[in-house]
């Protein structure tokens, strides 16, 4: 687990709030985007994360890195949405 500064987490959270629409743009499953955003914002509020959550955290970071050509991050965005959907489903089953 990597520990990030509160400043870094707040900046990433702000970037998610302003840039998540772009991340969701190519996703055909529109009805759960609000739940995904809520879950990700909760993750970005945590100062420590499990290894699985850290992987999702890194996918959020890479998905929002618009310095990389957008086409090159398509697989990271798809994996991000898939992993968060699985996390949400796991939470609902408990």
N, C-alpha and C. Protein backbone atom coordinates (compact mmCIF):
# COMPACT_ATOMS: atom_id res chain seq x y z
N UNK A 1 0.84 -1.19 0.00
CA UNK A 1 0.00 0.00 0.00
C UNK A 1 0.88 1.25 0.00
N UNK A 2 0.55 2.12 -0.88
CA UNK A 2 1.27 3.38 -0.95
C UNK A 2 0.44 4.45 -0.26
N UNK A 3 1.09 5.28 0.50
CA UNK A 3 0.37 6.36 1.18
C UNK A 3 0.60 7.65 0.40
N UNK A 4 -0.49 8.32 0.10
CA UNK A 4 -0.43 9.57 -0.64
C UNK A 4 -0.80 10.72 0.28
N UNK A 5 -0.27 11.90 -0.03
CA UNK A 5 -0.58 13.06 0.79
C UNK A 5 -2.04 13.46 0.61
N UNK A 6 -2.58 14.10 1.62
CA UNK A 6 -3.97 14.58 1.56
C UNK A 6 -4.11 15.56 0.38
N UNK A 7 -3.11 16.37 0.15
CA UNK A 7 -3.14 17.33 -0.96
C UNK A 7 -3.27 16.61 -2.30
N UNK A 8 -2.49 15.54 -2.48
CA UNK A 8 -2.56 14.76 -3.71
C UNK A 8 -3.93 14.12 -3.87
N UNK A 9 -4.45 13.54 -2.78
CA UNK A 9 -5.77 12.91 -2.83
C UNK A 9 -6.86 13.92 -3.16
N UNK A 10 -6.79 15.10 -2.56
CA UNK A 10 -7.78 16.15 -2.84
C UNK A 10 -7.70 16.63 -4.28
N UNK A 11 -6.48 16.73 -4.80
CA UNK A 11 -6.31 17.15 -6.20
C UNK A 11 -6.88 16.10 -7.14
N UNK A 12 -6.63 14.82 -6.87
CA UNK A 12 -7.15 13.75 -7.70
C UNK A 12 -8.67 13.68 -7.61
N UNK A 13 -9.19 13.92 -6.42
CA UNK A 13 -10.65 13.94 -6.23
C UNK A 13 -11.27 15.07 -7.06
N UNK A 14 -10.65 16.23 -7.04
CA UNK A 14 -11.13 17.36 -7.83
C UNK A 14 -11.06 17.05 -9.33
N UNK A 15 -9.96 16.40 -9.75
CA UNK A 15 -9.83 16.02 -11.15
C UNK A 15 -10.90 15.01 -11.55
N UNK A 16 -11.24 14.09 -10.63
CA UNK A 16 -12.29 13.12 -10.92
C UNK A 16 -13.64 13.84 -11.08
N UNK A 17 -13.92 14.77 -10.19
CA UNK A 17 -15.20 15.48 -10.26
C UNK A 17 -15.33 16.27 -11.55
N UNK A 18 -14.24 16.82 -12.04
CA UNK A 18 -14.31 17.61 -13.27
C UNK A 18 -14.09 16.78 -14.53
N UNK A 19 -13.44 15.62 -14.42
CA UNK A 19 -13.09 14.86 -15.62
C UNK A 19 -13.77 13.52 -15.79
N UNK A 20 -14.59 13.11 -14.83
CA UNK A 20 -15.19 11.78 -14.90
C UNK A 20 -16.13 11.62 -16.09
N UNK A 21 -16.77 12.69 -16.53
CA UNK A 21 -17.66 12.59 -17.69
C UNK A 21 -16.91 12.09 -18.91
N UNK A 22 -15.66 12.50 -19.04
CA UNK A 22 -14.84 12.04 -20.16
C UNK A 22 -14.53 10.56 -20.00
N UNK A 23 -14.30 10.12 -18.78
CA UNK A 23 -14.02 8.72 -18.52
C UNK A 23 -15.23 7.86 -18.87
N UNK A 24 -16.41 8.34 -18.55
CA UNK A 24 -17.65 7.60 -18.79
C UNK A 24 -18.12 7.66 -20.25
N UNK A 25 -17.59 8.56 -21.00
CA UNK A 25 -18.07 8.86 -22.35
C UNK A 25 -18.24 7.61 -23.23
N UNK A 26 -17.27 6.74 -23.28
CA UNK A 26 -17.32 5.58 -24.17
C UNK A 26 -18.04 4.38 -23.56
N UNK A 27 -18.47 4.50 -22.31
CA UNK A 27 -19.10 3.38 -21.62
C UNK A 27 -20.58 3.31 -21.98
N UNK A 28 -21.02 2.14 -22.40
CA UNK A 28 -22.41 1.98 -22.80
C UNK A 28 -23.37 1.78 -21.65
N UNK A 29 -22.88 1.46 -20.48
CA UNK A 29 -23.72 1.18 -19.32
C UNK A 29 -23.85 2.45 -18.48
N UNK A 30 -24.73 3.34 -18.91
CA UNK A 30 -24.81 4.69 -18.31
C UNK A 30 -25.52 4.74 -16.96
N UNK A 31 -26.37 3.75 -16.66
CA UNK A 31 -27.22 3.87 -15.46
C UNK A 31 -26.48 3.76 -14.14
N UNK A 32 -25.25 3.27 -14.13
CA UNK A 32 -24.55 3.14 -12.85
C UNK A 32 -23.40 4.14 -12.67
N UNK A 33 -23.30 5.11 -13.53
CA UNK A 33 -22.19 6.06 -13.44
C UNK A 33 -22.20 6.85 -12.13
N UNK A 34 -23.36 7.19 -11.64
CA UNK A 34 -23.43 7.93 -10.38
C UNK A 34 -22.91 7.06 -9.22
N UNK A 35 -23.27 5.79 -9.22
CA UNK A 35 -22.80 4.88 -8.16
C UNK A 35 -21.29 4.68 -8.26
N UNK A 36 -20.78 4.58 -9.48
CA UNK A 36 -19.33 4.42 -9.67
C UNK A 36 -18.60 5.66 -9.17
N UNK A 37 -19.10 6.83 -9.52
CA UNK A 37 -18.47 8.08 -9.05
C UNK A 37 -18.47 8.16 -7.53
N UNK A 38 -19.59 7.81 -6.94
CA UNK A 38 -19.69 7.86 -5.47
C UNK A 38 -18.67 6.91 -4.85
N UNK A 39 -18.53 5.71 -5.40
CA UNK A 39 -17.58 4.73 -4.86
C UNK A 39 -16.15 5.26 -5.01
N UNK A 40 -15.82 5.80 -6.17
CA UNK A 40 -14.47 6.32 -6.40
C UNK A 40 -14.17 7.50 -5.49
N UNK A 41 -15.12 8.39 -5.32
CA UNK A 41 -14.90 9.53 -4.41
C UNK A 41 -14.66 9.04 -2.98
N UNK A 42 -15.37 7.99 -2.58
CA UNK A 42 -15.12 7.40 -1.27
C UNK A 42 -13.72 6.82 -1.17
N UNK A 43 -13.29 6.17 -2.23
CA UNK A 43 -11.93 5.63 -2.26
C UNK A 43 -10.89 6.74 -2.13
N UNK A 44 -11.14 7.84 -2.82
CA UNK A 44 -10.18 8.95 -2.79
C UNK A 44 -10.18 9.68 -1.45
N UNK A 45 -11.17 9.43 -0.60
CA UNK A 45 -11.18 9.99 0.75
C UNK A 45 -10.34 9.16 1.72
N UNK A 46 -10.05 7.91 1.36
CA UNK A 46 -9.30 7.02 2.23
C UNK A 46 -7.80 7.32 2.14
N UNK A 47 -7.16 7.32 3.26
CA UNK A 47 -5.71 7.53 3.27
C UNK A 47 -4.95 6.22 3.12
N UNK A 48 -5.57 5.12 3.46
CA UNK A 48 -4.96 3.81 3.24
C UNK A 48 -5.95 2.95 2.47
N UNK A 49 -5.38 2.07 1.63
CA UNK A 49 -6.20 1.23 0.78
C UNK A 49 -5.63 -0.19 0.75
N UNK A 50 -6.49 -1.16 0.48
CA UNK A 50 -6.03 -2.53 0.26
C UNK A 50 -5.27 -2.57 -1.07
N UNK A 51 -4.61 -3.68 -1.35
CA UNK A 51 -3.89 -3.81 -2.61
C UNK A 51 -4.84 -3.67 -3.81
N UNK A 52 -6.01 -4.28 -3.70
CA UNK A 52 -7.00 -4.18 -4.77
C UNK A 52 -7.48 -2.74 -4.96
N UNK A 53 -7.72 -2.06 -3.85
CA UNK A 53 -8.13 -0.65 -3.93
C UNK A 53 -7.01 0.22 -4.48
N UNK A 54 -5.77 -0.13 -4.16
CA UNK A 54 -4.63 0.62 -4.69
C UNK A 54 -4.54 0.48 -6.21
N UNK A 55 -4.85 -0.71 -6.72
CA UNK A 55 -4.88 -0.91 -8.16
C UNK A 55 -5.95 -0.02 -8.80
N UNK A 56 -7.12 0.02 -8.19
CA UNK A 56 -8.20 0.88 -8.69
C UNK A 56 -7.78 2.35 -8.61
N UNK A 57 -7.14 2.73 -7.52
CA UNK A 57 -6.63 4.09 -7.36
C UNK A 57 -5.70 4.44 -8.52
N UNK A 58 -4.78 3.53 -8.85
CA UNK A 58 -3.85 3.77 -9.95
C UNK A 58 -4.58 3.86 -11.29
N UNK A 59 -5.63 3.07 -11.47
CA UNK A 59 -6.42 3.16 -12.70
C UNK A 59 -7.13 4.52 -12.79
N UNK A 60 -7.60 5.03 -11.66
CA UNK A 60 -8.21 6.37 -11.65
C UNK A 60 -7.16 7.40 -12.08
N UNK A 61 -6.00 7.32 -11.48
CA UNK A 61 -4.92 8.26 -11.80
C UNK A 61 -4.57 8.21 -13.29
N UNK A 62 -4.38 7.02 -13.82
CA UNK A 62 -3.99 6.89 -15.23
C UNK A 62 -5.13 7.29 -16.17
N UNK A 63 -6.35 7.01 -15.77
CA UNK A 63 -7.50 7.39 -16.60
C UNK A 63 -7.65 8.90 -16.70
N UNK A 64 -7.24 9.60 -15.65
CA UNK A 64 -7.35 11.06 -15.63
C UNK A 64 -6.11 11.76 -16.15
N UNK A 65 -5.10 11.01 -16.53
CA UNK A 65 -3.86 11.60 -17.03
C UNK A 65 -4.03 11.93 -18.51
N UNK A 66 -4.48 13.14 -18.77
CA UNK A 66 -4.78 13.54 -20.14
C UNK A 66 -3.53 13.97 -20.91
N UNK A 67 -2.35 13.84 -20.27
CA UNK A 67 -1.09 14.04 -20.99
C UNK A 67 -0.78 12.84 -21.87
N UNK A 68 -1.34 11.68 -21.50
CA UNK A 68 -1.21 10.47 -22.30
C UNK A 68 -2.32 10.52 -23.36
N UNK A 69 -2.03 10.13 -24.59
CA UNK A 69 -3.10 10.14 -25.61
C UNK A 69 -4.32 9.35 -25.12
N UNK A 70 -5.49 9.94 -25.31
CA UNK A 70 -6.74 9.40 -24.78
C UNK A 70 -6.95 7.96 -25.23
N UNK A 71 -6.63 7.67 -26.47
CA UNK A 71 -6.81 6.32 -27.01
C UNK A 71 -5.95 5.31 -26.24
N UNK A 72 -4.79 5.74 -25.78
CA UNK A 72 -3.86 4.85 -25.08
C UNK A 72 -4.37 4.47 -23.69
N UNK A 73 -5.27 5.23 -23.12
CA UNK A 73 -5.77 4.92 -21.78
C UNK A 73 -7.13 4.23 -21.82
N UNK A 74 -7.60 3.85 -22.99
CA UNK A 74 -8.91 3.20 -23.13
C UNK A 74 -8.99 1.92 -22.30
N UNK A 75 -7.95 1.11 -22.32
CA UNK A 75 -8.00 -0.14 -21.56
C UNK A 75 -7.99 0.13 -20.05
N UNK A 76 -7.27 1.16 -19.61
CA UNK A 76 -7.26 1.52 -18.19
C UNK A 76 -8.65 1.99 -17.76
N UNK A 77 -9.31 2.78 -18.60
CA UNK A 77 -10.67 3.26 -18.27
C UNK A 77 -11.65 2.09 -18.20
N UNK A 78 -11.56 1.17 -19.16
CA UNK A 78 -12.46 0.01 -19.17
C UNK A 78 -12.23 -0.87 -17.94
N UNK A 79 -10.97 -1.10 -17.60
CA UNK A 79 -10.66 -1.91 -16.42
C UNK A 79 -11.13 -1.22 -15.15
N UNK A 80 -10.95 0.09 -15.07
CA UNK A 80 -11.41 0.86 -13.92
C UNK A 80 -12.90 0.66 -13.70
N UNK A 81 -13.69 0.85 -14.74
CA UNK A 81 -15.14 0.73 -14.60
C UNK A 81 -15.54 -0.70 -14.24
N UNK A 82 -14.89 -1.68 -14.85
CA UNK A 82 -15.19 -3.07 -14.55
C UNK A 82 -14.88 -3.41 -13.09
N UNK A 83 -13.71 -3.01 -12.62
CA UNK A 83 -13.32 -3.32 -11.23
C UNK A 83 -14.21 -2.63 -10.21
N UNK A 84 -14.58 -1.38 -10.47
CA UNK A 84 -15.45 -0.67 -9.52
C UNK A 84 -16.84 -1.30 -9.53
N UNK A 85 -17.34 -1.69 -10.69
CA UNK A 85 -18.64 -2.38 -10.74
C UNK A 85 -18.61 -3.66 -9.91
N UNK A 86 -17.52 -4.42 -9.99
CA UNK A 86 -17.39 -5.63 -9.19
C UNK A 86 -17.38 -5.30 -7.70
N UNK A 87 -16.67 -4.23 -7.31
CA UNK A 87 -16.63 -3.81 -5.91
C UNK A 87 -18.03 -3.43 -5.42
N UNK A 88 -18.76 -2.69 -6.24
CA UNK A 88 -20.12 -2.29 -5.88
C UNK A 88 -21.01 -3.52 -5.73
N UNK A 89 -20.90 -4.46 -6.67
CA UNK A 89 -21.68 -5.69 -6.58
C UNK A 89 -21.34 -6.48 -5.32
N UNK A 90 -20.05 -6.55 -4.97
CA UNK A 90 -19.64 -7.25 -3.75
C UNK A 90 -20.26 -6.59 -2.52
N UNK A 91 -20.30 -5.28 -2.50
CA UNK A 91 -20.89 -4.55 -1.37
C UNK A 91 -22.38 -4.83 -1.26
N UNK A 92 -23.06 -4.89 -2.38
CA UNK A 92 -24.51 -5.15 -2.37
C UNK A 92 -24.84 -6.54 -1.90
N UNK A 93 -23.97 -7.49 -2.14
CA UNK A 93 -24.21 -8.89 -1.74
C UNK A 93 -24.02 -9.12 -0.26
N UNK A 94 -23.29 -8.24 0.40
CA UNK A 94 -23.02 -8.42 1.84
C UNK A 94 -24.17 -7.99 2.69
